[in-house]
Amino acid sequence: MLQFEVNDMTCGHCVGAVTAAVKRVAPEAVVAIDLPQHCVRVEGVCDAGAVELAIREAGYSPSRKA
């Protein structure tokens, strides 16, 4: 599982935008977002770089969590 902290994700619109961005690069991914914790979890994907880039291109600032 990949996990990112996305502190500039603040509302339901942000959740939708981040989910859509991840699904564009990894349609098979399972995306779980904890908005109060600013946490994005992605399962079923190996390429963390592609997911991180997709989130950045959607206008957000992800940082990878261990």
PDB file of N, CA and C in Angstrom:
ATOM      1  N   MET A   1       0.837  -1.171   0.000  1.00  0.00           N
ATOM      2  CA  MET A   1       0.000   0.000   0.000  1.00  0.00           C
ATOM      3  C   MET A   1       0.888   1.243   0.000  1.00  0.00           C
ATOM      4  N   LEU A   2       0.486   2.215  -0.816  1.00  0.00           N
ATOM      5  CA  LEU A   2       1.153   3.513  -0.838  1.00  0.00           C
ATOM      6  C   LEU A   2       0.379   4.459   0.064  1.00  0.00           C
ATOM      7  N   GLN A   3       1.089   5.353   0.727  1.00  0.00           N
ATOM      8  CA  GLN A   3       0.427   6.309   1.596  1.00  0.00           C
ATOM      9  C   GLN A   3       1.086   7.676   1.418  1.00  0.00           C
ATOM     10  N   PHE A   4       0.235   8.691   1.267  1.00  0.00           N
ATOM     11  CA  PHE A   4       0.711  10.051   1.075  1.00  0.00           C
ATOM     12  C   PHE A   4       0.025  10.985   2.055  1.00  0.00           C
ATOM     13  N   GLU A   5       0.756  11.979   2.511  1.00  0.00           N
ATOM     14  CA  GLU A   5       0.169  13.067   3.277  1.00  0.00           C
ATOM     15  C   GLU A   5      -0.049  14.218   2.292  1.00  0.00           C
ATOM     16  N   VAL A   6      -1.278  14.733   2.250  1.00  0.00           N
ATOM     17  CA  VAL A   6      -1.614  15.809   1.317  1.00  0.00           C
ATOM     18  C   VAL A   6      -2.277  16.919   2.140  1.00  0.00           C
ATOM     19  N   ASN A   7      -1.452  17.783   2.722  1.00  0.00           N
ATOM     20  CA  ASN A   7      -1.947  18.793   3.654  1.00  0.00           C
ATOM     21  C   ASN A   7      -2.847  19.835   3.014  1.00  0.00           C
ATOM     22  N   ASP A   8      -2.712  20.059   1.714  1.00  0.00           N
ATOM     23  CA  ASP A   8      -3.555  21.068   1.063  1.00  0.00           C
ATOM     24  C   ASP A   8      -4.859  20.473   0.519  1.00  0.00           C
ATOM     25  N   MET A   9      -5.201  19.275   0.935  1.00  0.00           N
ATOM     26  CA  MET A   9      -6.477  18.638   0.611  1.00  0.00           C
ATOM     27  C   MET A   9      -7.427  18.952   1.766  1.00  0.00           C
ATOM     28  N   THR A  10      -8.452  19.782   1.507  1.00  0.00           N
ATOM     29  CA  THR A  10      -9.244  20.328   2.615  1.00  0.00           C
ATOM     30  C   THR A  10     -10.747  20.094   2.548  1.00  0.00           C
ATOM     31  N   CYS A  11     -11.271  19.567   1.436  1.00  0.00           N
ATOM     32  CA  CYS A  11     -12.727  19.465   1.317  1.00  0.00           C
ATOM     33  C   CYS A  11     -13.111  18.279   0.428  1.00  0.00           C
ATOM     34  N   GLY A  12     -14.405  18.089   0.282  1.00  0.00           N
ATOM     35  CA  GLY A  12     -14.903  16.997  -0.544  1.00  0.00           C
ATOM     36  C   GLY A  12     -14.482  17.120  -2.000  1.00  0.00           C
ATOM     37  N   HIS A  13     -14.408  18.349  -2.505  1.00  0.00           N
ATOM     38  CA  HIS A  13     -13.943  18.545  -3.882  1.00  0.00           C
ATOM     39  C   HIS A  13     -12.518  18.043  -4.032  1.00  0.00           C
ATOM     40  N   CYS A  14     -11.686  18.340  -3.042  1.00  0.00           N
ATOM     41  CA  CYS A  14     -10.291  17.883  -3.072  1.00  0.00           C
ATOM     42  C   CYS A  14     -10.226  16.353  -3.105  1.00  0.00           C
ATOM     43  N   VAL A  15     -11.055  15.716  -2.292  1.00  0.00           N
ATOM     44  CA  VAL A  15     -11.097  14.253  -2.253  1.00  0.00           C
ATOM     45  C   VAL A  15     -11.424  13.705  -3.636  1.00  0.00           C
ATOM     46  N   GLY A  16     -12.432  14.278  -4.282  1.00  0.00           N
ATOM     47  CA  GLY A  16     -12.816  13.836  -5.620  1.00  0.00           C
ATOM     48  C   GLY A  16     -11.724  14.055  -6.641  1.00  0.00           C
ATOM     49  N   ALA A  17     -11.058  15.208  -6.564  1.00  0.00           N
ATOM     50  CA  ALA A  17      -9.995  15.528  -7.520  1.00  0.00           C
ATOM     51  C   ALA A  17      -8.802  14.594  -7.356  1.00  0.00           C
ATOM     52  N   VAL A  18      -8.412  14.326  -6.122  1.00  0.00           N
ATOM     53  CA  VAL A  18      -7.277  13.434  -5.876  1.00  0.00           C
ATOM     54  C   VAL A  18      -7.629  12.006  -6.297  1.00  0.00           C
ATOM     55  N   THR A  19      -8.814  11.557  -5.957  1.00  0.00           N
ATOM     56  CA  THR A  19      -9.243  10.208  -6.353  1.00  0.00           C
ATOM     57  C   THR A  19      -9.253  10.068  -7.868  1.00  0.00           C
ATOM     58  N   ALA A  20      -9.811  11.043  -8.563  1.00  0.00           N
ATOM     59  CA  ALA A  20      -9.860  10.996 -10.032  1.00  0.00           C
ATOM     60  C   ALA A  20      -8.458  11.001 -10.626  1.00  0.00           C
ATOM     61  N   ALA A  21      -7.568  11.788 -10.059  1.00  0.00           N
ATOM     62  CA  ALA A  21      -6.190  11.856 -10.570  1.00  0.00           C
ATOM     63  C   ALA A  21      -5.500  10.505 -10.437  1.00  0.00           C
ATOM     64  N   VAL A  22      -5.658   9.869  -9.289  1.00  0.00           N
ATOM     65  CA  VAL A  22      -5.038   8.550  -9.086  1.00  0.00           C
ATOM     66  C   VAL A  22      -5.651   7.526 -10.037  1.00  0.00           C
ATOM     67  N   LYS A  23      -6.962   7.552 -10.189  1.00  0.00           N
ATOM     68  CA  LYS A  23      -7.637   6.587 -11.063  1.00  0.00           C
ATOM     69  C   LYS A  23      -7.253   6.768 -12.538  1.00  0.00           C
ATOM     70  N   ARG A  24      -6.888   7.993 -12.925  1.00  0.00           N
ATOM     71  CA  ARG A  24      -6.449   8.215 -14.318  1.00  0.00           C
ATOM     72  C   ARG A  24      -5.169   7.456 -14.626  1.00  0.00           C
ATOM     73  N   VAL A  25      -4.234   7.413 -13.667  1.00  0.00           N
ATOM     74  CA  VAL A  25      -2.967   6.717 -13.920  1.00  0.00           C
ATOM     75  C   VAL A  25      -3.003   5.264 -13.491  1.00  0.00           C
ATOM     76  N   ALA A  26      -3.964   4.919 -12.618  1.00  0.00           N
ATOM     77  CA  ALA A  26      -4.063   3.543 -12.126  1.00  0.00           C
ATOM     78  C   ALA A  26      -5.533   3.193 -11.929  1.00  0.00           C
ATOM     79  N   PRO A  27      -6.241   2.881 -13.025  1.00  0.00           N
ATOM     80  CA  PRO A  27      -7.678   2.604 -12.935  1.00  0.00           C
ATOM     81  C   PRO A  27      -8.032   1.471 -11.978  1.00  0.00           C
ATOM     82  N   GLU A  28      -7.103   0.559 -11.754  1.00  0.00           N
ATOM     83  CA  GLU A  28      -7.356  -0.593 -10.887  1.00  0.00           C
ATOM     84  C   GLU A  28      -7.132  -0.284  -9.410  1.00  0.00           C
ATOM     85  N   ALA A  29      -6.630   0.891  -9.109  1.00  0.00           N
ATOM     86  CA  ALA A  29      -6.275   1.255  -7.737  1.00  0.00           C
ATOM     87  C   ALA A  29      -7.509   1.361  -6.845  1.00  0.00           C
ATOM     88  N   VAL A  30      -7.303   1.025  -5.581  1.00  0.00           N
ATOM     89  CA  VAL A  30      -8.304   1.257  -4.540  1.00  0.00           C
ATOM     90  C   VAL A  30      -7.792   2.454  -3.740  1.00  0.00           C
ATOM     91  N   VAL A  31      -8.558   3.536  -3.757  1.00  0.00           N
ATOM     92  CA  VAL A  31      -8.143   4.780  -3.114  1.00  0.00           C
ATOM     93  C   VAL A  31      -8.990   4.998  -1.868  1.00  0.00           C
ATOM     94  N   ALA A  32      -8.329   5.230  -0.738  1.00  0.00           N
ATOM     95  CA  ALA A  32      -9.011   5.546   0.518  1.00  0.00           C
ATOM     96  C   ALA A  32      -8.432   6.849   1.046  1.00  0.00           C
ATOM     97  N   ILE A  33      -9.312   7.803   1.337  1.00  0.00           N
ATOM     98  CA  ILE A  33      -8.854   9.117   1.786  1.00  0.00           C
ATOM     99  C   ILE A  33      -9.436   9.416   3.159  1.00  0.00           C
ATOM    100  N   ASP A  34      -8.544   9.815   4.069  1.00  0.00           N
ATOM    101  CA  ASP A  34      -8.933  10.271   5.401  1.00  0.00           C
ATOM    102  C   ASP A  34      -8.715  11.780   5.403  1.00  0.00           C
ATOM    103  N   LEU A  35      -9.774  12.526   5.124  1.00  0.00           N
ATOM    104  CA  LEU A  35      -9.658  13.980   4.974  1.00  0.00           C
ATOM    105  C   LEU A  35      -9.179  14.666   6.249  1.00  0.00           C
ATOM    106  N   PRO A  36      -9.724  14.365   7.434  1.00  0.00           N
ATOM    107  CA  PRO A  36      -9.238  15.047   8.642  1.00  0.00           C
ATOM    108  C   PRO A  36      -7.744  14.838   8.897  1.00  0.00           C
ATOM    109  N   GLN A  37      -7.226  13.676   8.495  1.00  0.00           N
ATOM    110  CA  GLN A  37      -5.799  13.373   8.674  1.00  0.00           C
ATOM    111  C   GLN A  37      -4.963  13.752   7.449  1.00  0.00           C
ATOM    112  N   HIS A  38      -5.620  14.222   6.373  1.00  0.00           N
ATOM    113  CA  HIS A  38      -4.943  14.589   5.117  1.00  0.00           C
ATOM    114  C   HIS A  38      -4.140  13.415   4.562  1.00  0.00           C
ATOM    115  N   CYS A  39      -4.718  12.224   4.658  1.00  0.00           N
ATOM    116  CA  CYS A  39      -4.015  11.008   4.273  1.00  0.00           C
ATOM    117  C   CYS A  39      -4.688  10.346   3.072  1.00  0.00           C
ATOM    118  N   VAL A  40      -3.875   9.976   2.088  1.00  0.00           N
ATOM    119  CA  VAL A  40      -4.351   9.249   0.909  1.00  0.00           C
ATOM    120  C   VAL A  40      -3.663   7.891   0.909  1.00  0.00           C
ATOM    121  N   ARG A  41      -4.463   6.832   0.890  1.00  0.00           N
ATOM    122  CA  ARG A  41      -3.926   5.468   0.813  1.00  0.00           C
ATOM    123  C   ARG A  41      -4.344   4.870  -0.528  1.00  0.00           C
ATOM    124  N   VAL A  42      -3.379   4.254  -1.189  1.00  0.00           N
ATOM    125  CA  VAL A  42      -3.640   3.677  -2.507  1.00  0.00           C
ATOM    126  C   VAL A  42      -3.157   2.231  -2.492  1.00  0.00           C
ATOM    127  N   GLU A  43      -4.063   1.316  -2.811  1.00  0.00           N
ATOM    128  CA  GLU A  43      -3.716  -0.103  -2.893  1.00  0.00           C
ATOM    129  C   GLU A  43      -3.837  -0.576  -4.333  1.00  0.00           C
ATOM    130  N   GLY A  44      -3.038  -1.575  -4.675  1.00  0.00           N
ATOM    131  CA  GLY A  44      -3.117  -2.176  -5.999  1.00  0.00           C
ATOM    132  C   GLY A  44      -2.253  -1.481  -7.040  1.00  0.00           C
ATOM    133  N   VAL A  45      -1.305  -0.669  -6.593  1.00  0.00           N
ATOM    134  CA  VAL A  45      -0.430   0.064  -7.501  1.00  0.00           C
ATOM    135  C   VAL A  45       1.003  -0.062  -6.996  1.00  0.00           C
ATOM    136  N   CYS A  46       1.944  -0.242  -7.902  1.00  0.00           N
ATOM    137  CA  CYS A  46       3.344  -0.355  -7.514  1.00  0.00           C
ATOM    138  C   CYS A  46       4.130   0.926  -7.777  1.00  0.00           C
ATOM    139  N   ASP A  47       3.690   1.731  -8.729  1.00  0.00           N
ATOM    140  CA  ASP A  47       4.457   2.906  -9.157  1.00  0.00           C
ATOM    141  C   ASP A  47       4.089   4.140  -8.333  1.00  0.00           C
ATOM    142  N   ALA A  48       4.781   4.308  -7.205  1.00  0.00           N
ATOM    143  CA  ALA A  48       4.513   5.443  -6.315  1.00  0.00           C
ATOM    144  C   ALA A  48       4.776   6.767  -7.017  1.00  0.00           C
ATOM    145  N   GLY A  49       5.790   6.804  -7.863  1.00  0.00           N
ATOM    146  CA  GLY A  49       6.131   8.039  -8.573  1.00  0.00           C
ATOM    147  C   GLY A  49       5.010   8.512  -9.474  1.00  0.00           C
ATOM    148  N   ALA A  50       4.367   7.590 -10.177  1.00  0.00           N
ATOM    149  CA  ALA A  50       3.267   7.957 -11.076  1.00  0.00           C
ATOM    150  C   ALA A  50       2.073   8.479 -10.284  1.00  0.00           C
ATOM    151  N   VAL A  51       1.788   7.849  -9.154  1.00  0.00           N
ATOM    152  CA  VAL A  51       0.675   8.295  -8.315  1.00  0.00           C
ATOM    153  C   VAL A  51       0.976   9.670  -7.738  1.00  0.00           C
ATOM    154  N   GLU A  52       2.181   9.848  -7.213  1.00  0.00           N
ATOM    155  CA  GLU A  52       2.567  11.150  -6.653  1.00  0.00           C
ATOM    156  C   GLU A  52       2.495  12.246  -7.709  1.00  0.00           C
ATOM    157  N   LEU A  53       2.990  11.970  -8.899  1.00  0.00           N
ATOM    158  CA  LEU A  53       2.945  12.955  -9.980  1.00  0.00           C
ATOM    159  C   LEU A  53       1.503  13.297 -10.358  1.00  0.00           C
ATOM    160  N   ALA A  54       0.642  12.299 -10.416  1.00  0.00           N
ATOM    161  CA  ALA A  54      -0.762  12.550 -10.752  1.00  0.00           C
ATOM    162  C   ALA A  54      -1.411  13.472  -9.723  1.00  0.00           C
ATOM    163  N   ILE A  55      -1.112  13.254  -8.447  1.00  0.00           N
ATOM    164  CA  ILE A  55      -1.666  14.112  -7.400  1.00  0.00           C
ATOM    165  C   ILE A  55      -1.118  15.529  -7.541  1.00  0.00           C
ATOM    166  N   ARG A  56       0.171  15.652  -7.833  1.00  0.00           N
ATOM    167  CA  ARG A  56       0.776  16.983  -8.041  1.00  0.00           C
ATOM    168  C   ARG A  56       0.138  17.695  -9.235  1.00  0.00           C
ATOM    169  N   GLU A  57      -0.055  16.965 -10.316  1.00  0.00           N
ATOM    170  CA  GLU A  57      -0.634  17.576 -11.517  1.00  0.00           C
ATOM    171  C   GLU A  57      -2.086  17.996 -11.290  1.00  0.00           C
ATOM    172  N   ALA A  58      -2.736  17.405 -10.294  1.00  0.00           N
ATOM    173  CA  ALA A  58      -4.100  17.802  -9.936  1.00  0.00           C
ATOM    174  C   ALA A  58      -4.096  19.064  -9.071  1.00  0.00           C
ATOM    175  N   GLY A  59      -2.897  19.535  -8.699  1.00  0.00           N
ATOM    176  CA  GLY A  59      -2.781  20.796  -7.962  1.00  0.00           C
ATOM    177  C   GLY A  59      -2.520  20.654  -6.474  1.00  0.00           C
ATOM    178  N   TYR A  60      -2.097  19.482  -6.043  1.00  0.00           N
ATOM    179  CA  TYR A  60      -1.866  19.239  -4.624  1.00  0.00           C
ATOM    180  C   TYR A  60      -0.405  18.915  -4.366  1.00  0.00           C
ATOM    181  N   SER A  61      -0.028  18.895  -3.079  1.00  0.00           N
ATOM    182  CA  SER A  61       1.370  18.709  -2.690  1.00  0.00           C
ATOM    183  C   SER A  61       1.533  17.468  -1.816  1.00  0.00           C
ATOM    184  N   PRO A  62       1.596  16.295  -2.437  1.00  0.00           N
ATOM    185  CA  PRO A  62       1.721  15.063  -1.639  1.00  0.00           C
ATOM    186  C   PRO A  62       3.133  14.846  -1.131  1.00  0.00           C
ATOM    187  N   SER A  63       3.229  14.232   0.032  1.00  0.00           N
ATOM    188  CA  SER A  63       4.526  13.742   0.503  1.00  0.00           C
ATOM    189  C   SER A  63       4.338  12.288   0.905  1.00  0.00           C
ATOM    190  N   ARG A  64       5.249  11.471   0.497  1.00  0.00           N
ATOM    191  CA  ARG A  64       5.155  10.016   0.719  1.00  0.00           C
ATOM    192  C   ARG A  64       5.363   9.713   2.180  1.00  0.00           C
ATOM    193  N   LYS A  65       4.505   8.868   2.736  1.00  0.00           N
ATOM    194  CA  LYS A  65       4.641   8.420   4.115  1.00  0.00           C
ATOM    195  C   LYS A  65       5.170   6.997   4.113  1.00  0.00           C
ATOM    196  N   ALA A  66       5.984   6.697   5.074  1.00  0.00           N
ATOM    197  CA  ALA A  66       6.579   5.354   5.162  1.00  0.00           C
ATOM    198  C   ALA A  66       5.573   4.333   5.600  1.00  0.00           C
TER     199      ALA A  66
END
